[in-house]
Amino acid sequence: MKDVEQRTWEVVRRAFEEERPPVRRSRASNSLLLATVLAGLVTATVAAAASPSGRAVLDQVRRAVGITHADAALFSLPAPGRLLVVSSEGGGVWLAHDNGYKRKLGPYEDAEWSPHGLYVVATTKNHLVALDVEHGVRWTLARHDPVWPRWEGTRTDTRIAYLTRAGLRVVAGDGTGDRLLDRYAGDVPPAWDPGRLHTVAYYTGGAIVLRNADSGRIVWRAPIDVTPSGLTWSDDGRYLAVTSSPKSVVLDAGGRLRRSISMLGAELLETAFKPGTHLLAVSLRLRQRSQIRLVDVDHPGRASLLFAGPGDFGDVAWSPNGRWLLLNWPSANQWLFVSGARVHAVGNIGQEFPRHDKLGPTLQIAGRWCCS
């Protein structure tokens, strides 16, 4: 029987890999997960051996990816707070509360929280929009293709940075004083420095620039030998992680290189500092598997594997209290809430935040779990 299962699995594997572009898989991070995945694979291969349909075989393999006995719906969040979820291709922006209540805010293309979670800044094709989640639109600003809005400041003095065709722009939180900050800014989301009010980091001309948005003064400029896809600060402003592949780098508050992060044969997709720490969650994609590792920036060489699994991982988001890491697992149509050795899975996640057509949405959650 074992030989039959092995031969069947080889047939299934080849058919699955020919059906779609190469996927990325990984061994499980603990024995429980490994047993779960292997049990699912054995079930899929045995069923596939009796199936006359190649499509049925592939469907069996796809169902083997993921955690068995996952919750059938997002009944609650495991930590206090509210989560913004951007559902691509017409799915709009959704608001999920920790008690399981969910509602659609509108047909927006992107959204981010204001400081303290009082408001939301969202985008449409030609507008930047400020929302009160209970009472609707506060103001709009017409701009061509606004993307990646980021809101920072105190409760009474805030700024929003965003990119357009014309470059990096900044506007006050009440919608006034909109201005161009750098017409040559690269196509990378800006990141406000939590240690300096109204001071934003962004990519331009082969360097990371830290600049005061009010005066325009450049605080520092750090040339880098990578092309970034994202920027993320630690809560205290001591470190700035520059996400890139195959190597990501971490700069200190003065723009000096603190350390480099890479893994042989891996594509680095995303980084996110755990709240209140210098522990950096790093999402890796290998040839047929994906991993989430936790890197201690203060102590080079210290890193641990949080989770690994077959297929592709999507966004990650830390809970506001830093106890849970939310991982979007689109290959399994699941969300995973990971806390140390604990893993809680939610299935059918694409149906929780649907888009208009029949295809599953791409869900964006990074940096959007906010505020108790």
Protein backbone atom coordinates (compact mmCIF):
# COMPACT_ATOMS: atom_id res chain seq x y z
CA MET A 1 0.00 0.00 0.00
CA LYS A 2 2.84 2.35 0.83
CA ASP A 3 4.41 1.82 -2.61
CA VAL A 4 1.08 2.50 -4.29
CA GLU A 5 0.63 5.73 -2.34
CA GLN A 6 4.15 6.83 -3.21
CA ARG A 7 3.68 6.21 -6.93
CA THR A 8 0.29 7.90 -6.86
CA TRP A 9 1.72 10.94 -5.10
CA GLU A 10 4.43 11.32 -7.76
CA VAL A 11 1.76 11.34 -10.49
CA VAL A 12 -0.34 13.83 -8.56
CA ARG A 13 2.63 16.05 -7.81
CA ARG A 14 3.68 16.27 -11.45
CA ALA A 15 0.14 16.97 -12.60
CA PHE A 16 -0.31 19.66 -9.98
CA GLU A 17 2.96 21.41 -10.83
CA GLU A 18 2.16 21.33 -14.56
CA GLU A 19 -1.30 22.78 -13.90
CA ARG A 20 -0.06 26.10 -12.51
CA PRO A 21 3.18 28.06 -12.06
CA PRO A 22 5.60 26.56 -9.53
CA VAL A 23 4.32 26.90 -5.97
CA ARG A 24 6.35 27.34 -2.86
CA ARG A 25 6.11 24.76 -0.10
CA SER A 26 7.82 24.06 3.19
CA ARG A 27 8.03 21.50 5.94
CA ALA A 28 5.84 22.21 8.95
CA SER A 29 7.35 24.14 11.82
CA ASN A 30 6.28 21.61 14.43
CA SER A 31 5.25 17.98 14.65
CA LEU A 32 1.56 18.78 14.94
CA LEU A 33 1.55 20.77 11.71
CA LEU A 34 3.70 18.16 9.95
CA ALA A 35 1.30 15.39 10.93
CA THR A 36 -1.64 17.49 9.76
CA VAL A 37 -0.15 18.20 6.35
CA LEU A 38 1.00 14.61 5.80
CA ALA A 39 -2.41 13.26 6.78
CA GLY A 40 -4.02 15.58 4.26
CA LEU A 41 -1.58 14.53 1.54
CA VAL A 42 -2.21 10.82 2.13
CA THR A 43 -5.97 11.40 1.95
CA ALA A 44 -5.54 13.33 -1.28
CA THR A 45 -3.34 10.72 -2.95
CA VAL A 46 -5.53 7.76 -2.03
CA ALA A 47 -8.62 9.55 -3.33
CA ALA A 48 -6.72 10.63 -6.46
CA ALA A 49 -5.77 7.04 -7.25
CA ALA A 50 -9.45 6.14 -7.64
CA SER A 51 -10.41 9.34 -9.47
CA PRO A 52 -10.93 9.21 -13.24
CA SER A 53 -10.63 12.98 -13.57
CA GLY A 54 -7.37 14.90 -13.64
CA ARG A 55 -9.22 17.95 -12.35
CA ALA A 56 -10.52 16.01 -9.38
CA VAL A 57 -6.95 14.92 -8.62
CA LEU A 58 -5.76 18.51 -8.60
CA ASP A 59 -8.65 19.59 -6.41
CA GLN A 60 -7.70 16.88 -3.92
CA VAL A 61 -4.13 18.16 -3.79
CA ARG A 62 -5.24 21.74 -3.28
CA ARG A 63 -7.46 20.70 -0.38
CA ALA A 64 -4.44 19.00 1.19
CA VAL A 65 -2.76 22.41 1.62
CA GLY A 66 -3.78 23.99 4.90
CA ILE A 67 -4.69 23.13 8.48
CA THR A 68 -7.41 20.55 8.98
CA HIS A 69 -10.23 21.28 11.42
CA ALA A 70 -9.96 25.01 10.77
CA ASP A 71 -12.84 27.21 11.85
CA ALA A 72 -15.47 27.47 9.14
CA ALA A 73 -15.63 31.27 9.45
CA LEU A 74 -13.93 34.21 11.18
CA PHE A 75 -15.92 34.05 14.41
CA SER A 76 -13.56 36.35 16.32
CA LEU A 77 -10.05 37.77 16.54
CA PRO A 78 -7.84 36.25 19.28
CA ALA A 79 -6.75 39.67 20.56
CA PRO A 80 -8.50 43.02 21.10
CA GLY A 81 -8.62 45.43 18.18
CA ARG A 82 -10.10 46.05 14.76
CA LEU A 83 -8.76 44.88 11.43
CA LEU A 84 -8.97 46.54 8.04
CA VAL A 85 -9.03 44.07 5.16
CA VAL A 86 -8.49 45.20 1.56
CA SER A 87 -10.15 42.76 -0.84
CA SER A 88 -8.72 43.15 -4.33
CA GLU A 89 -10.40 43.45 -7.72
CA GLY A 90 -13.63 45.09 -6.62
CA GLY A 91 -13.90 43.50 -3.18
CA GLY A 92 -13.47 46.86 -1.45
CA VAL A 93 -12.38 47.56 2.11
CA TRP A 94 -13.84 45.68 5.08
CA LEU A 95 -13.75 46.31 8.82
CA ALA A 96 -13.53 43.28 11.13
CA HIS A 97 -14.08 43.63 14.88
CA ASP A 98 -12.65 41.28 17.49
CA ASN A 99 -16.13 39.88 18.25
CA GLY A 100 -16.59 38.59 14.69
CA TYR A 101 -18.67 41.50 13.41
CA LYS A 102 -17.68 42.50 9.85
CA ARG A 103 -18.94 45.11 7.44
CA LYS A 104 -17.86 46.67 4.18
CA LEU A 105 -16.68 50.28 4.42
CA GLY A 106 -16.91 50.87 0.69
CA PRO A 107 -15.51 50.09 -2.77
CA TYR A 108 -12.07 51.49 -1.98
CA GLU A 109 -8.80 50.25 -3.45
CA ASP A 110 -6.72 50.66 -0.28
CA ALA A 111 -7.09 51.84 3.33
CA GLU A 112 -4.96 52.51 6.41
CA TRP A 113 -5.70 53.60 9.99
CA SER A 114 -5.05 57.07 11.35
CA PRO A 115 -3.01 57.34 14.57
CA HIS A 116 -4.93 55.76 17.46
CA GLY A 117 -7.44 54.28 15.02
CA LEU A 118 -9.76 57.29 15.09
CA TYR A 119 -10.17 57.51 11.31
CA VAL A 120 -9.30 55.71 8.09
CA VAL A 121 -7.62 57.06 4.97
CA ALA A 122 -8.68 55.28 1.78
CA THR A 123 -8.13 55.59 -1.95
CA THR A 124 -10.15 55.27 -5.13
CA LYS A 125 -8.94 55.60 -8.71
CA ASN A 126 -8.91 59.40 -8.50
CA HIS A 127 -9.48 60.34 -4.86
CA LEU A 128 -7.85 60.31 -1.45
CA VAL A 129 -10.62 59.87 1.12
CA ALA A 130 -10.73 60.37 4.91
CA LEU A 131 -13.40 58.32 6.70
CA ASP A 132 -14.99 58.10 10.09
CA VAL A 133 -15.84 54.40 10.21
CA GLU A 134 -19.11 55.12 12.04
CA HIS A 135 -20.25 58.24 10.21
CA GLY A 136 -18.79 58.02 6.72
CA VAL A 137 -16.69 60.36 4.58
CA ARG A 138 -15.07 63.40 6.25
CA TRP A 139 -13.33 64.81 3.18
CA THR A 140 -11.98 63.88 -0.26
CA LEU A 141 -9.09 65.14 -2.33
CA ALA A 142 -9.04 64.60 -6.11
CA ARG A 143 -5.70 63.21 -7.30
CA HIS A 144 -4.64 60.93 -10.15
CA ASP A 145 -3.99 57.35 -9.00
CA PRO A 146 -3.24 57.89 -5.30
CA VAL A 147 -1.63 54.83 -3.71
CA TRP A 148 -0.14 53.72 -0.38
CA PRO A 149 -1.54 56.37 1.97
CA ARG A 150 0.16 56.46 5.37
CA TRP A 151 -1.22 58.54 8.30
CA GLU A 152 0.80 59.67 11.35
CA GLY A 153 0.89 62.21 14.15
CA THR A 154 -0.75 63.04 17.46
CA ARG A 155 -4.48 63.12 18.17
CA THR A 156 -4.63 66.76 17.07
CA ASP A 157 -1.75 67.20 14.59
CA THR A 158 -1.45 64.66 11.79
CA ARG A 159 -0.10 64.22 8.25
CA ILE A 160 -0.86 61.79 5.44
CA ALA A 161 1.84 60.78 2.96
CA TYR A 162 0.87 59.12 -0.30
CA LEU A 163 2.18 58.53 -3.82
CA THR A 164 0.71 59.67 -7.14
CA ARG A 165 1.93 59.83 -10.72
CA ALA A 166 3.58 63.14 -9.79
CA GLY A 167 5.56 61.74 -6.86
CA LEU A 168 5.38 61.71 -3.06
CA ARG A 169 2.79 64.09 -1.61
CA VAL A 170 1.81 65.11 1.94
CA VAL A 171 -1.48 66.53 3.22
CA ALA A 172 -2.68 67.47 6.71
CA GLY A 173 -5.13 65.18 8.45
CA ASP A 174 -7.96 67.65 7.85
CA GLY A 175 -7.35 67.61 4.10
CA THR A 176 -5.60 70.99 3.90
CA GLY A 177 -2.13 71.99 2.76
CA ASP A 178 -1.61 69.25 0.18
CA ARG A 179 1.81 69.59 -1.45
CA LEU A 180 4.44 67.72 -3.42
CA LEU A 181 7.37 66.57 -1.28
CA ASP A 182 9.52 64.70 -3.84
CA ARG A 183 8.66 64.24 -7.50
CA TYR A 184 11.35 61.55 -7.88
CA ALA A 185 10.20 59.25 -5.08
CA GLY A 186 10.29 55.57 -5.98
CA ASP A 187 7.33 53.23 -6.22
CA VAL A 188 7.59 52.05 -2.59
CA PRO A 189 5.16 52.80 0.29
CA PRO A 190 6.50 55.60 2.52
CA ALA A 191 6.98 55.02 6.26
CA TRP A 192 6.63 57.66 8.98
CA ASP A 193 9.36 57.71 11.63
CA PRO A 194 7.70 57.05 15.02
CA GLY A 195 10.60 58.77 16.78
CA ARG A 196 10.36 62.09 14.89
CA LEU A 197 7.05 63.87 14.32
CA HIS A 198 6.10 64.53 10.68
CA THR A 199 9.29 62.89 9.38
CA VAL A 200 8.95 60.31 6.64
CA ALA A 201 11.26 57.69 5.12
CA TYR A 202 10.97 56.82 1.44
CA TYR A 203 12.98 55.43 -1.46
CA THR A 204 14.45 57.61 -4.19
CA GLY A 205 17.46 57.46 -6.49
CA GLY A 206 19.06 54.34 -5.04
CA ALA A 207 18.80 55.54 -1.43
CA ILE A 208 16.49 55.67 1.56
CA VAL A 209 15.79 59.27 2.50
CA LEU A 210 14.46 60.49 5.85
CA ARG A 211 12.84 63.90 5.43
CA ASN A 212 10.83 66.37 7.48
CA ALA A 213 7.51 66.73 5.68
CA ASP A 214 6.87 70.28 6.91
CA SER A 215 10.23 71.95 6.31
CA GLY A 216 11.42 69.65 3.52
CA ARG A 217 14.76 69.26 5.30
CA ILE A 218 16.56 65.96 4.65
CA VAL A 219 17.59 64.40 7.97
CA TRP A 220 19.72 61.71 6.34
CA ARG A 221 20.21 59.89 3.08
CA ALA A 222 21.34 56.23 3.09
CA PRO A 223 22.46 54.70 -0.23
CA ILE A 224 21.48 51.03 -0.44
CA ASP A 225 22.48 48.25 -2.85
CA VAL A 226 18.99 46.69 -2.97
CA THR A 227 15.71 47.68 -4.61
CA PRO A 228 13.12 47.78 -1.80
CA SER A 229 9.52 46.64 -1.88
CA GLY A 230 8.62 47.89 1.59
CA LEU A 231 9.73 49.91 4.61
CA THR A 232 8.77 49.28 8.23
CA TRP A 233 9.88 50.92 11.49
CA SER A 234 10.18 49.46 14.96
CA ASP A 235 7.77 51.15 17.38
CA ASP A 236 10.52 53.17 19.06
CA GLY A 237 12.03 54.44 15.81
CA ARG A 238 15.40 52.79 16.44
CA TYR A 239 15.32 50.54 13.37
CA LEU A 240 14.01 50.75 9.81
CA ALA A 241 13.65 47.44 7.96
CA VAL A 242 14.08 47.76 4.20
CA THR A 243 12.38 44.76 2.61
CA SER A 244 14.02 43.48 -0.54
CA SER A 245 15.01 40.22 -2.18
CA PRO A 246 17.19 38.22 -2.05
CA LYS A 247 18.53 40.43 0.76
CA SER A 248 16.76 42.76 3.18
CA VAL A 249 18.61 45.29 5.31
CA VAL A 250 17.96 47.03 8.63
CA LEU A 251 19.06 50.63 9.17
CA ASP A 252 19.40 52.35 12.53
CA ALA A 253 17.88 55.71 13.46
CA GLY A 254 20.82 57.51 11.86
CA GLY A 255 20.54 55.69 8.55
CA ARG A 256 23.51 53.40 9.18
CA LEU A 257 23.41 49.74 8.19
CA ARG A 258 22.66 47.62 11.23
CA ARG A 259 22.41 44.19 9.61
CA SER A 260 21.51 42.24 6.48
CA ILE A 261 18.99 39.40 6.32
CA SER A 262 19.04 36.70 3.66
CA MET A 263 18.51 32.98 3.23
CA LEU A 264 20.06 30.93 0.44
CA GLY A 265 17.54 30.23 -2.29
CA ALA A 266 14.75 32.22 -0.64
CA GLU A 267 12.76 35.22 -1.83
CA LEU A 268 12.10 37.71 0.99
CA LEU A 269 8.56 39.03 0.66
CA GLU A 270 7.67 41.01 3.75
CA THR A 271 8.94 42.17 7.14
CA ALA A 272 7.04 43.36 10.21
CA PHE A 273 8.35 44.36 13.64
CA LYS A 274 6.58 42.82 16.60
CA PRO A 275 5.02 45.68 18.61
CA GLY A 276 7.18 46.92 21.45
CA THR A 277 10.21 44.85 20.41
CA HIS A 278 13.06 44.61 17.93
CA LEU A 279 11.90 41.18 16.75
CA LEU A 280 11.29 41.19 13.02
CA ALA A 281 8.90 38.73 11.36
CA VAL A 282 10.28 37.85 7.92
CA SER A 283 8.18 36.12 5.27
CA LEU A 284 10.24 33.86 2.98
CA ARG A 285 9.31 32.03 -0.16
CA LEU A 286 11.40 29.09 -1.34
CA ARG A 287 10.94 27.04 -4.49
CA GLN A 288 8.06 24.93 -3.21
CA ARG A 289 7.41 26.16 0.32
CA SER A 290 7.08 29.27 2.45
CA GLN A 291 8.24 30.23 5.94
CA ILE A 292 7.79 32.89 8.60
CA ARG A 293 10.92 33.48 10.67
CA LEU A 294 11.41 35.75 13.68
CA VAL A 295 14.74 37.61 13.59
CA ASP A 296 16.22 39.37 16.65
CA VAL A 297 17.75 42.56 15.21
CA ASP A 298 19.61 43.33 18.44
CA HIS A 299 21.39 39.96 18.44
CA PRO A 300 22.76 38.84 15.05
CA GLY A 301 22.42 35.12 14.52
CA ARG A 302 19.32 34.77 16.66
CA ALA A 303 16.32 33.67 14.62
CA SER A 304 13.53 31.17 15.06
CA LEU A 305 11.03 29.51 12.75
CA LEU A 306 7.47 30.59 13.54
CA PHE A 307 5.63 28.68 10.84
CA ALA A 308 6.23 26.85 7.58
CA GLY A 309 3.92 25.29 5.05
CA PRO A 310 3.33 24.40 1.39
CA GLY A 311 2.11 26.95 -1.12
CA ASP A 312 2.23 30.74 -0.98
CA PHE A 313 1.97 32.98 2.06
CA GLY A 314 0.44 36.45 1.77
CA ASP A 315 0.44 39.42 4.13
CA VAL A 316 1.23 39.27 7.84
CA ALA A 317 -0.08 41.54 10.60
CA TRP A 318 0.75 41.69 14.31
CA SER A 319 -2.05 42.10 16.84
CA PRO A 320 -1.88 45.45 18.69
CA ASN A 321 -0.72 43.71 21.88
CA GLY A 322 1.97 41.78 19.98
CA ARG A 323 0.78 38.37 21.14
CA TRP A 324 -0.47 37.04 17.81
CA LEU A 325 0.81 37.13 14.26
CA LEU A 326 -1.90 36.90 11.60
CA LEU A 327 -0.74 35.12 8.45
CA ASN A 328 -2.75 35.16 5.23
CA TRP A 329 -2.35 31.78 3.48
CA PRO A 330 -4.03 32.18 0.06
CA SER A 331 -2.93 28.75 -1.22
CA ALA A 332 -5.05 27.20 1.55
CA ASN A 333 -7.79 29.87 1.58
CA GLN A 334 -7.02 30.22 5.28
CA TRP A 335 -5.88 32.69 7.87
CA LEU A 336 -3.54 31.49 10.61
CA PHE A 337 -3.20 33.14 13.99
CA VAL A 338 0.21 32.16 15.38
CA SER A 339 1.37 32.66 18.97
CA GLY A 340 4.50 30.70 19.83
CA ALA A 341 3.61 27.03 19.38
CA ARG A 342 -0.11 27.80 19.14
CA VAL A 343 -1.69 27.93 15.68
CA HIS A 344 -5.36 28.75 15.18
CA ALA A 345 -6.71 28.41 11.64
CA VAL A 346 -9.72 30.02 9.97
CA GLY A 347 -10.90 28.47 6.70
CA ASN A 348 -12.95 29.78 3.78
CA ILE A 349 -11.37 33.19 4.34
CA GLY A 350 -11.91 34.36 0.76
CA GLN A 351 -15.65 33.98 1.28
CA GLU A 352 -15.51 36.22 4.35
CA PHE A 353 -14.38 39.21 2.25
CA PRO A 354 -15.65 38.38 -1.25
CA ARG A 355 -15.14 40.20 -4.51
CA HIS A 356 -17.66 40.42 -7.33
CA ASP A 357 -16.41 37.64 -9.60
CA LYS A 358 -16.01 33.98 -8.75
CA LEU A 359 -12.26 34.07 -8.22
CA GLY A 360 -10.87 34.30 -4.73
CA PRO A 361 -9.71 37.77 -3.68
CA THR A 362 -6.21 38.83 -2.76
CA LEU A 363 -6.49 40.03 0.84
CA GLN A 364 -4.21 42.76 2.21
CA ILE A 365 -3.85 43.02 5.99
CA ALA A 366 -0.27 44.22 6.62
CA GLY A 367 -0.14 46.94 9.28
CA ARG A 368 -3.93 47.14 9.49
CA TRP A 369 -4.69 45.42 12.83
CA CYS A 370 -5.15 48.37 15.12
CA CYS A 371 -6.16 49.66 18.44
CA SER A 372 -8.00 47.95 21.23
